[in-house]
Amino acid sequence: MWNGKGRIVGITDDFHNDNLRFGIEPMIFMYSENIGSHYFIKLSGKAALTEQIELIGDVFRKHNPDYPFEYTFLDDVFNQEYQTERVIGSSP
Protein backbone atom coordinates (compact mmCIF):
# COMPACT_ATOMS: atom_id res chain seq x y z
CA MET A 1 0.00 0.00 0.00
CA TRP A 2 1.34 3.41 -0.95
CA ASN A 3 4.33 1.64 -2.50
CA GLY A 4 5.25 0.07 0.83
CA LYS A 5 5.24 -3.43 2.20
CA GLY A 6 3.08 -4.71 5.00
CA ARG A 7 1.99 -7.83 6.76
CA ILE A 8 -1.59 -9.08 6.91
CA VAL A 9 -2.37 -10.06 10.49
CA GLY A 10 -6.07 -10.84 10.12
CA ILE A 11 -9.14 -10.87 7.94
CA THR A 12 -12.70 -10.10 8.99
CA ASP A 13 -16.09 -10.80 7.50
CA ASP A 14 -17.64 -8.13 5.28
CA PHE A 15 -19.38 -5.35 7.16
CA HIS A 16 -20.82 -1.91 6.48
CA ASN A 17 -18.23 0.74 7.19
CA ASP A 18 -20.20 3.61 5.75
CA ASN A 19 -23.76 4.76 5.42
CA LEU A 20 -26.08 1.81 4.76
CA ARG A 21 -27.20 3.54 1.56
CA PHE A 22 -23.89 2.43 0.09
CA GLY A 23 -22.76 -1.11 -0.54
CA ILE A 24 -20.04 -2.95 1.32
CA GLU A 25 -16.65 -1.99 -0.07
CA PRO A 26 -13.12 -3.29 0.52
CA MET A 27 -11.28 -1.75 3.45
CA ILE A 28 -7.85 -1.96 5.03
CA PHE A 29 -7.20 -1.30 8.71
CA MET A 30 -3.64 -0.20 8.96
CA TYR A 31 -1.37 0.54 11.87
CA SER A 32 1.39 3.06 11.41
CA GLU A 33 3.50 4.89 13.93
CA ASN A 34 3.70 7.83 11.53
CA ILE A 35 0.29 8.02 9.90
CA GLY A 36 -3.20 8.24 11.28
CA SER A 37 -4.95 9.60 14.30
CA HIS A 38 -8.14 7.52 14.46
CA TYR A 39 -8.33 4.15 16.11
CA PHE A 40 -11.31 1.85 16.48
CA ILE A 41 -11.35 0.01 19.80
CA LYS A 42 -13.92 -2.54 20.87
CA LEU A 43 -14.41 -2.31 24.60
CA SER A 44 -15.09 -5.25 26.86
CA GLY A 45 -18.54 -5.50 28.38
CA LYS A 46 -16.95 -6.93 31.55
CA ALA A 47 -15.32 -3.76 32.88
CA ALA A 48 -16.85 -0.37 33.65
CA LEU A 49 -16.91 1.92 30.62
CA THR A 50 -15.37 4.88 32.46
CA GLU A 51 -12.49 2.72 33.70
CA GLN A 52 -11.75 1.45 30.19
CA ILE A 53 -11.79 4.96 28.73
CA GLU A 54 -9.47 6.20 31.48
CA LEU A 55 -7.02 3.36 30.79
CA ILE A 56 -7.07 4.03 27.05
CA GLY A 57 -6.57 7.74 27.73
CA ASP A 58 -3.60 6.99 29.98
CA VAL A 59 -1.92 4.92 27.24
CA PHE A 60 -2.71 7.55 24.61
CA ARG A 61 -1.27 10.39 26.70
CA LYS A 62 1.85 8.34 27.50
CA HIS A 63 2.61 7.89 23.79
CA ASN A 64 1.12 11.17 22.49
CA PRO A 65 1.65 13.78 25.22
CA ASP A 66 1.39 16.70 22.78
CA TYR A 67 -2.09 15.74 21.52
CA PRO A 68 -5.42 15.81 23.34
CA PHE A 69 -7.17 12.50 24.00
CA GLU A 70 -10.58 12.72 22.34
CA TYR A 71 -13.05 9.94 21.67
CA THR A 72 -16.49 9.30 20.25
CA PHE A 73 -18.73 6.25 20.23
CA LEU A 74 -19.71 4.73 16.91
CA ASP A 75 -23.37 4.54 17.91
CA ASP A 76 -23.33 8.35 18.32
CA VAL A 77 -21.68 8.72 14.90
CA PHE A 78 -24.29 6.39 13.35
CA ASN A 79 -27.15 8.24 15.06
CA GLN A 80 -25.90 11.52 13.61
CA GLU A 81 -25.43 9.93 10.18
CA TYR A 82 -29.05 8.79 10.06
CA GLN A 83 -30.63 11.88 11.64
CA THR A 84 -31.97 12.95 8.22
CA GLU A 85 -33.76 9.64 7.75
CA ARG A 86 -35.34 9.87 11.20
CA VAL A 87 -36.60 13.39 10.52
CA ILE A 88 -38.01 12.43 7.12
CA GLY A 89 -39.55 9.26 8.56
CA SER A 90 -41.33 11.16 11.33
CA SER A 91 -42.84 13.83 9.06
CA PRO A 92 -46.65 13.75 8.79
C-alpha atoms as a PDB file:
ATOM      1  CA  MET A   1       0.000   0.000   0.000  1.00  0.00           C
ATOM      2  CA  TRP A   2       1.341   3.408  -0.954  1.00  0.00           C
ATOM      3  CA  ASN A   3       4.335   1.643  -2.497  1.00  0.00           C
ATOM      4  CA  GLY A   4       5.252   0.066   0.831  1.00  0.00           C
ATOM      5  CA  LYS A   5       5.241  -3.429   2.200  1.00  0.00           C
ATOM      6  CA  GLY A   6       3.077  -4.709   4.997  1.00  0.00           C
ATOM      7  CA  ARG A   7       1.990  -7.825   6.756  1.00  0.00           C
ATOM      8  CA  ILE A   8      -1.588  -9.085   6.907  1.00  0.00           C
ATOM      9  CA  VAL A   9      -2.374 -10.060  10.491  1.00  0.00           C
ATOM     10  CA  GLY A  10      -6.066 -10.840  10.116  1.00  0.00           C
ATOM     11  CA  ILE A  11      -9.138 -10.867   7.944  1.00  0.00           C
ATOM     12  CA  THR A  12     -12.698 -10.100   8.994  1.00  0.00           C
ATOM     13  CA  ASP A  13     -16.089 -10.797   7.497  1.00  0.00           C
ATOM     14  CA  ASP A  14     -17.640  -8.133   5.281  1.00  0.00           C
ATOM     15  CA  PHE A  15     -19.378  -5.348   7.158  1.00  0.00           C
ATOM     16  CA  HIS A  16     -20.816  -1.913   6.484  1.00  0.00           C
ATOM     17  CA  ASN A  17     -18.233   0.745   7.193  1.00  0.00           C
ATOM     18  CA  ASP A  18     -20.200   3.615   5.747  1.00  0.00           C
ATOM     19  CA  ASN A  19     -23.764   4.756   5.418  1.00  0.00           C
ATOM     20  CA  LEU A  20     -26.082   1.815   4.763  1.00  0.00           C
ATOM     21  CA  ARG A  21     -27.199   3.543   1.559  1.00  0.00           C
ATOM     22  CA  PHE A  22     -23.885   2.433   0.086  1.00  0.00           C
ATOM     23  CA  GLY A  23     -22.763  -1.115  -0.537  1.00  0.00           C
ATOM     24  CA  ILE A  24     -20.043  -2.946   1.323  1.00  0.00           C
ATOM     25  CA  GLU A  25     -16.652  -1.991  -0.069  1.00  0.00           C
ATOM     26  CA  PRO A  26     -13.121  -3.286   0.524  1.00  0.00           C
ATOM     27  CA  MET A  27     -11.282  -1.747   3.446  1.00  0.00           C
ATOM     28  CA  ILE A  28      -7.851  -1.961   5.027  1.00  0.00           C
ATOM     29  CA  PHE A  29      -7.202  -1.302   8.707  1.00  0.00           C
ATOM     30  CA  MET A  30      -3.643  -0.202   8.956  1.00  0.00           C
ATOM     31  CA  TYR A  31      -1.372   0.545  11.873  1.00  0.00           C
ATOM     32  CA  SER A  32       1.391   3.058  11.412  1.00  0.00           C
ATOM     33  CA  GLU A  33       3.505   4.892  13.928  1.00  0.00           C
ATOM     34  CA  ASN A  34       3.702   7.835  11.535  1.00  0.00           C
ATOM     35  CA  ILE A  35       0.286   8.023   9.898  1.00  0.00           C
ATOM     36  CA  GLY A  36      -3.200   8.237  11.276  1.00  0.00           C
ATOM     37  CA  SER A  37      -4.945   9.599  14.296  1.00  0.00           C
ATOM     38  CA  HIS A  38      -8.135   7.519  14.458  1.00  0.00           C
ATOM     39  CA  TYR A  39      -8.326   4.153  16.112  1.00  0.00           C
ATOM     40  CA  PHE A  40     -11.306   1.847  16.484  1.00  0.00           C
ATOM     41  CA  ILE A  41     -11.354   0.014  19.796  1.00  0.00           C
ATOM     42  CA  LYS A  42     -13.925  -2.543  20.865  1.00  0.00           C
ATOM     43  CA  LEU A  43     -14.407  -2.314  24.604  1.00  0.00           C
ATOM     44  CA  SER A  44     -15.095  -5.252  26.864  1.00  0.00           C
ATOM     45  CA  GLY A  45     -18.540  -5.504  28.384  1.00  0.00           C
ATOM     46  CA  LYS A  46     -16.952  -6.930  31.548  1.00  0.00           C
ATOM     47  CA  ALA A  47     -15.323  -3.762  32.877  1.00  0.00           C
ATOM     48  CA  ALA A  48     -16.851  -0.367  33.647  1.00  0.00           C
ATOM     49  CA  LEU A  49     -16.909   1.916  30.617  1.00  0.00           C
ATOM     50  CA  THR A  50     -15.371   4.879  32.457  1.00  0.00           C
ATOM     51  CA  GLU A  51     -12.486   2.718  33.695  1.00  0.00           C
ATOM     52  CA  GLN A  52     -11.747   1.448  30.193  1.00  0.00           C
ATOM     53  CA  ILE A  53     -11.790   4.961  28.733  1.00  0.00           C
ATOM     54  CA  GLU A  54      -9.474   6.200  31.477  1.00  0.00           C
ATOM     55  CA  LEU A  55      -7.015   3.360  30.795  1.00  0.00           C
ATOM     56  CA  ILE A  56      -7.070   4.033  27.053  1.00  0.00           C
ATOM     57  CA  GLY A  57      -6.574   7.740  27.732  1.00  0.00           C
ATOM     58  CA  ASP A  58      -3.596   6.994  29.976  1.00  0.00           C
ATOM     59  CA  VAL A  59      -1.919   4.923  27.240  1.00  0.00           C
ATOM     60  CA  PHE A  60      -2.708   7.547  24.611  1.00  0.00           C
ATOM     61  CA  ARG A  61      -1.269  10.390  26.697  1.00  0.00           C
ATOM     62  CA  LYS A  62       1.848   8.341  27.499  1.00  0.00           C
ATOM     63  CA  HIS A  63       2.615   7.892  23.795  1.00  0.00           C
ATOM     64  CA  ASN A  64       1.123  11.174  22.491  1.00  0.00           C
ATOM     65  CA  PRO A  65       1.655  13.779  25.217  1.00  0.00           C
ATOM     66  CA  ASP A  66       1.387  16.702  22.777  1.00  0.00           C
ATOM     67  CA  TYR A  67      -2.088  15.736  21.524  1.00  0.00           C
ATOM     68  CA  PRO A  68      -5.419  15.808  23.341  1.00  0.00           C
ATOM     69  CA  PHE A  69      -7.169  12.501  23.999  1.00  0.00           C
ATOM     70  CA  GLU A  70     -10.576  12.716  22.344  1.00  0.00           C
ATOM     71  CA  TYR A  71     -13.053   9.939  21.671  1.00  0.00           C
ATOM     72  CA  THR A  72     -16.493   9.297  20.250  1.00  0.00           C
ATOM     73  CA  PHE A  73     -18.732   6.254  20.226  1.00  0.00           C
ATOM     74  CA  LEU A  74     -19.706   4.726  16.913  1.00  0.00           C
ATOM     75  CA  ASP A  75     -23.366   4.539  17.910  1.00  0.00           C
ATOM     76  CA  ASP A  76     -23.332   8.347  18.318  1.00  0.00           C
ATOM     77  CA  VAL A  77     -21.679   8.719  14.900  1.00  0.00           C
ATOM     78  CA  PHE A  78     -24.292   6.393  13.353  1.00  0.00           C
ATOM     79  CA  ASN A  79     -27.154   8.243  15.062  1.00  0.00           C
ATOM     80  CA  GLN A  80     -25.900  11.524  13.614  1.00  0.00           C
ATOM     81  CA  GLU A  81     -25.432   9.930  10.181  1.00  0.00           C
ATOM     82  CA  TYR A  82     -29.055   8.789  10.061  1.00  0.00           C
ATOM     83  CA  GLN A  83     -30.635  11.880  11.637  1.00  0.00           C
ATOM     84  CA  THR A  84     -31.967  12.953   8.218  1.00  0.00           C
ATOM     85  CA  GLU A  85     -33.762   9.635   7.751  1.00  0.00           C
ATOM     86  CA  ARG A  86     -35.339   9.872  11.200  1.00  0.00           C
ATOM     87  CA  VAL A  87     -36.598  13.391  10.518  1.00  0.00           C
ATOM     88  CA  ILE A  88     -38.014  12.427   7.117  1.00  0.00           C
ATOM     89  CA  GLY A  89     -39.547   9.262   8.558  1.00  0.00           C
ATOM     90  CA  SER A  90     -41.327  11.159  11.326  1.00  0.00           C
ATOM     91  CA  SER A  91     -42.840  13.826   9.061  1.00  0.00           C
ATOM     92  CA  PRO A  92     -46.655  13.749   8.787  1.00  0.00           C
END
